[in-house]
Amino acid sequence: MLEEGLFRLLEAVERLGLNLSVVAWLSIAAATVVMGYVLRRVRQPRIWAAAAIVTAVALAGNLADYFVTLHRSPDLSWEANPIWRNVIDAWGLRAAKWYGLSGKILVSIVAGQMWAFYLSNQKRLFPDNARSLAEFLRRMGNRSETRGQRIVALFTLLSFFFAGVQLLYFYIAYLNWIEDPELAGRLPSAPVAILILLLALAAAFTAHAYRDFRSWEGR
């Protein structure tokens, strides 16, 4: 069921054509500039060190996916991503390779920036008080009084997940690398892997945020 939903989504995206591919690249390029501006006042070395690590990990995963794809399908004839495939059809293989590589690099940079944003705005998610983990989750973000503050708090939460979901590309690269169809068939499909990763990230976020809340509360 998850696989069928994914295939329908990919077909719908492909029908949107090259314009969506251009918009997608411009959007991620603009995001790097906008996030750089938003983070201009962040001065804590620990935050930027953590962001650099996240960027490096995201880049490793994204490049693994990119180069394994080219290794298995040098002409990208097996490529399933409709955004990338539309570029191949319109501009040719060489332009598509540069499109994919630059896109992977930009996404990795944004992942690091998102992690920096999460760390520098994490306290926006903390409740005014909480005596247990359940109460922490129930009251999380209750110090946000205005719509703007609530939007920033939501974006802070999404930043954690955007950075974390880059781990998926290691698994995608592994799936693409496998040549044994029986082994590949026994492994979780990409949609199932996404669901598992999101659940794992939710657990990781809960543990990380609650730990930092307790540390912050005890100061």
Protein backbone atom coordinates (compact mmCIF):
# COMPACT_ATOMS: atom_id res chain seq x y z
CA MET A 1 0.00 0.00 0.00
CA LEU A 2 2.82 2.39 0.87
CA GLU A 3 4.61 1.46 -2.34
CA GLU A 4 1.50 2.11 -4.45
CA GLY A 5 1.05 5.51 -2.84
CA LEU A 6 4.66 6.38 -3.56
CA PHE A 7 4.38 5.34 -7.19
CA ARG A 8 1.25 7.45 -7.66
CA LEU A 9 3.04 10.41 -6.12
CA LEU A 10 6.04 9.97 -8.42
CA GLU A 11 3.78 9.78 -11.46
CA ALA A 12 1.99 12.96 -10.41
CA VAL A 13 5.31 14.77 -9.91
CA GLU A 14 6.59 13.62 -13.31
CA ARG A 15 3.51 15.04 -15.02
CA LEU A 16 4.38 18.49 -13.66
CA GLY A 17 7.40 18.48 -15.96
CA LEU A 18 10.66 20.39 -16.08
CA ASN A 19 9.29 23.51 -14.39
CA LEU A 20 9.03 21.66 -11.09
CA SER A 21 12.63 20.49 -11.42
CA VAL A 22 13.82 24.06 -11.94
CA VAL A 23 11.72 25.34 -9.06
CA ALA A 24 13.03 22.56 -6.80
CA TRP A 25 16.68 23.45 -7.51
CA LEU A 26 16.10 27.18 -7.14
CA SER A 27 14.21 26.59 -3.90
CA ILE A 28 16.99 24.61 -2.26
CA ALA A 29 19.59 27.12 -3.50
CA ALA A 30 17.52 29.97 -2.07
CA ALA A 31 17.13 28.04 1.18
CA THR A 32 20.90 27.98 1.70
CA VAL A 33 21.03 31.76 1.32
CA VAL A 34 17.99 32.41 3.51
CA MET A 35 19.18 30.08 6.25
CA GLY A 36 22.61 31.66 6.14
CA TYR A 37 20.98 35.04 6.74
CA VAL A 38 18.75 33.70 9.52
CA LEU A 39 21.73 32.14 11.29
CA ARG A 40 24.03 35.15 10.89
CA ARG A 41 23.89 36.01 14.61
CA VAL A 42 24.58 32.49 15.87
CA ARG A 43 28.04 32.62 17.40
CA GLN A 44 28.31 29.48 19.55
CA PRO A 45 31.19 27.30 18.29
CA ARG A 46 29.52 24.11 19.59
CA ILE A 47 26.48 24.76 17.42
CA TRP A 48 28.53 25.27 14.28
CA ALA A 49 30.70 22.24 15.10
CA ALA A 50 27.57 20.10 15.38
CA ALA A 51 26.19 21.63 12.17
CA ALA A 52 29.44 20.80 10.36
CA ILE A 53 29.18 17.18 11.47
CA VAL A 54 25.56 16.95 10.31
CA THR A 55 26.52 18.51 6.97
CA ALA A 56 29.35 16.01 6.52
CA VAL A 57 27.11 13.04 7.36
CA ALA A 58 24.33 14.31 5.08
CA LEU A 59 26.83 14.88 2.28
CA ALA A 60 28.23 11.37 2.68
CA GLY A 61 24.75 9.86 2.42
CA ASN A 62 23.65 12.02 -0.48
CA LEU A 63 26.85 11.46 -2.45
CA ALA A 64 26.70 7.73 -1.77
CA ASP A 65 23.21 7.69 -3.28
CA TYR A 66 24.37 9.82 -6.23
CA PHE A 67 27.46 7.82 -7.16
CA VAL A 68 25.86 4.41 -6.58
CA THR A 69 23.05 5.48 -8.91
CA LEU A 70 25.58 6.43 -11.59
CA HIS A 71 27.50 3.19 -11.02
CA ARG A 72 24.40 1.03 -11.50
CA SER A 73 22.93 3.15 -14.30
CA PRO A 74 25.52 5.38 -16.00
CA ASP A 75 22.93 6.72 -18.44
CA LEU A 76 20.42 7.19 -15.58
CA SER A 77 17.88 5.07 -17.46
CA TRP A 78 16.93 3.36 -14.17
CA GLU A 79 16.53 6.61 -12.27
CA ALA A 80 13.14 6.68 -10.52
CA ASN A 81 13.21 10.28 -9.28
CA PRO A 82 10.89 12.16 -11.68
CA ILE A 83 12.40 15.53 -10.81
CA TRP A 84 15.80 14.29 -11.98
CA ARG A 85 14.36 12.33 -14.90
CA ASN A 86 12.60 15.41 -16.27
CA VAL A 87 15.98 17.16 -16.43
CA ILE A 88 17.47 14.20 -18.31
CA ASP A 89 14.67 14.31 -20.89
CA ALA A 90 14.88 18.08 -21.37
CA TRP A 91 18.58 18.91 -21.11
CA GLY A 92 20.46 15.66 -21.52
CA LEU A 93 22.65 13.44 -19.38
CA ARG A 94 25.52 15.85 -18.69
CA ALA A 95 23.25 18.62 -17.42
CA ALA A 96 21.29 16.10 -15.36
CA LYS A 97 24.47 14.91 -13.64
CA TRP A 98 25.39 18.46 -12.64
CA TYR A 99 21.81 19.08 -11.57
CA GLY A 100 21.80 16.02 -9.34
CA LEU A 101 25.25 16.61 -7.86
CA SER A 102 24.69 20.28 -7.09
CA GLY A 103 21.27 19.48 -5.64
CA LYS A 104 22.73 16.84 -3.33
CA ILE A 105 25.40 19.26 -2.11
CA LEU A 106 22.88 22.04 -1.49
CA VAL A 107 20.51 19.73 0.41
CA SER A 108 23.42 18.63 2.62
CA ILE A 109 24.33 22.24 3.38
CA VAL A 110 20.72 23.03 4.28
CA ALA A 111 20.63 19.97 6.55
CA GLY A 112 23.56 21.37 8.53
CA GLN A 113 21.95 24.79 8.64
CA MET A 114 18.69 23.26 9.86
CA TRP A 115 20.56 21.51 12.65
CA ALA A 116 22.16 24.79 13.66
CA PHE A 117 18.72 26.39 13.65
CA TYR A 118 17.32 23.59 15.80
CA LEU A 119 20.09 23.87 18.38
CA SER A 120 19.95 27.66 18.53
CA ASN A 121 16.13 27.74 18.87
CA GLN A 122 15.56 24.56 20.83
CA LYS A 123 14.44 26.43 23.97
CA ARG A 124 11.40 27.70 22.08
CA LEU A 125 10.03 24.18 22.34
CA PHE A 126 10.53 23.88 26.08
CA PRO A 127 7.41 24.23 28.25
CA ASP A 128 7.39 26.58 31.22
CA ASN A 129 7.52 23.51 33.46
CA ALA A 130 7.06 19.75 33.25
CA ARG A 131 7.35 17.09 35.92
CA SER A 132 7.46 14.09 33.57
CA LEU A 133 8.20 13.15 29.99
CA ALA A 134 4.49 12.87 29.21
CA GLU A 135 3.87 16.34 30.60
CA PHE A 136 6.85 17.68 28.66
CA LEU A 137 5.41 16.36 25.39
CA ARG A 138 1.91 17.55 26.21
CA ARG A 139 3.01 21.08 27.11
CA MET A 140 5.84 21.44 24.61
CA GLY A 141 5.88 24.89 23.02
CA ASN A 142 3.35 26.41 25.43
CA ARG A 143 5.59 29.41 26.02
CA SER A 144 4.94 30.58 22.44
CA GLU A 145 2.36 33.34 22.81
CA THR A 146 2.09 34.78 19.31
CA ARG A 147 1.51 33.21 15.90
CA GLY A 148 5.05 34.15 14.84
CA GLN A 149 6.53 32.42 17.88
CA ARG A 150 4.46 29.31 17.23
CA ILE A 151 5.62 29.24 13.60
CA VAL A 152 9.27 29.49 14.66
CA ALA A 153 8.73 26.73 17.23
CA LEU A 154 7.16 24.49 14.57
CA PHE A 155 10.02 25.24 12.17
CA THR A 156 12.47 24.34 14.93
CA LEU A 157 10.82 20.93 15.26
CA LEU A 158 10.80 20.40 11.50
CA SER A 159 14.49 21.37 11.33
CA PHE A 160 15.37 18.40 13.53
CA PHE A 161 13.53 16.02 11.22
CA PHE A 162 14.91 17.56 8.01
CA ALA A 163 18.44 17.05 9.24
CA GLY A 164 17.74 13.54 10.52
CA VAL A 165 15.95 12.26 7.43
CA GLN A 166 19.16 12.65 5.42
CA LEU A 167 20.20 9.32 6.94
CA LEU A 168 17.72 7.69 4.58
CA TYR A 169 20.12 8.16 1.66
CA PHE A 170 22.61 5.70 3.13
CA TYR A 171 19.89 3.06 3.01
CA ILE A 172 18.76 4.06 -0.48
CA ALA A 173 22.37 3.82 -1.67
CA TYR A 174 22.63 0.36 -0.10
CA LEU A 175 19.41 -0.80 -1.78
CA ASN A 176 20.69 0.44 -5.14
CA TRP A 177 24.06 -1.24 -4.59
CA ILE A 178 22.60 -4.69 -3.92
CA GLU A 179 22.67 -6.94 -6.97
CA ASP A 180 21.04 -9.97 -5.34
CA PRO A 181 17.27 -9.61 -5.96
CA GLU A 182 16.43 -12.11 -3.19
CA LEU A 183 18.33 -10.07 -0.61
CA ALA A 184 16.81 -6.85 -1.87
CA GLY A 185 13.35 -8.40 -1.65
CA ARG A 186 13.84 -9.30 2.01
CA LEU A 187 14.80 -5.75 2.99
CA PRO A 188 12.24 -3.02 3.80
CA SER A 189 11.21 -1.00 0.76
CA ALA A 190 11.96 2.72 0.59
CA PRO A 191 8.49 3.81 1.82
CA VAL A 192 8.69 1.41 4.77
CA ALA A 193 12.22 2.61 5.53
CA ILE A 194 10.99 6.20 5.54
CA LEU A 195 8.28 5.32 8.06
CA ILE A 196 10.74 3.45 10.28
CA LEU A 197 13.20 6.34 10.13
CA LEU A 198 10.53 8.90 11.02
CA LEU A 199 9.51 6.84 14.05
CA ALA A 200 13.15 6.53 15.08
CA LEU A 201 13.66 10.26 14.67
CA ALA A 202 10.57 10.96 16.77
CA ALA A 203 12.04 8.83 19.55
CA ALA A 204 15.46 10.47 19.17
CA PHE A 205 13.93 13.94 19.25
CA THR A 206 11.95 13.14 22.38
CA ALA A 207 15.02 11.83 24.19
CA HIS A 208 17.29 14.65 23.02
CA ALA A 209 14.86 17.49 23.71
CA TYR A 210 13.78 16.14 27.10
CA ARG A 211 17.38 15.67 28.20
CA ASP A 212 18.25 19.23 27.20
CA PHE A 213 15.08 20.54 28.84
CA ARG A 214 16.05 18.94 32.13
CA SER A 215 19.53 20.43 31.84
CA TRP A 216 18.10 23.86 31.00
CA GLU A 217 15.51 23.65 33.78
CA GLY A 218 18.18 22.84 36.37
CA ARG A 219 20.24 25.94 35.68
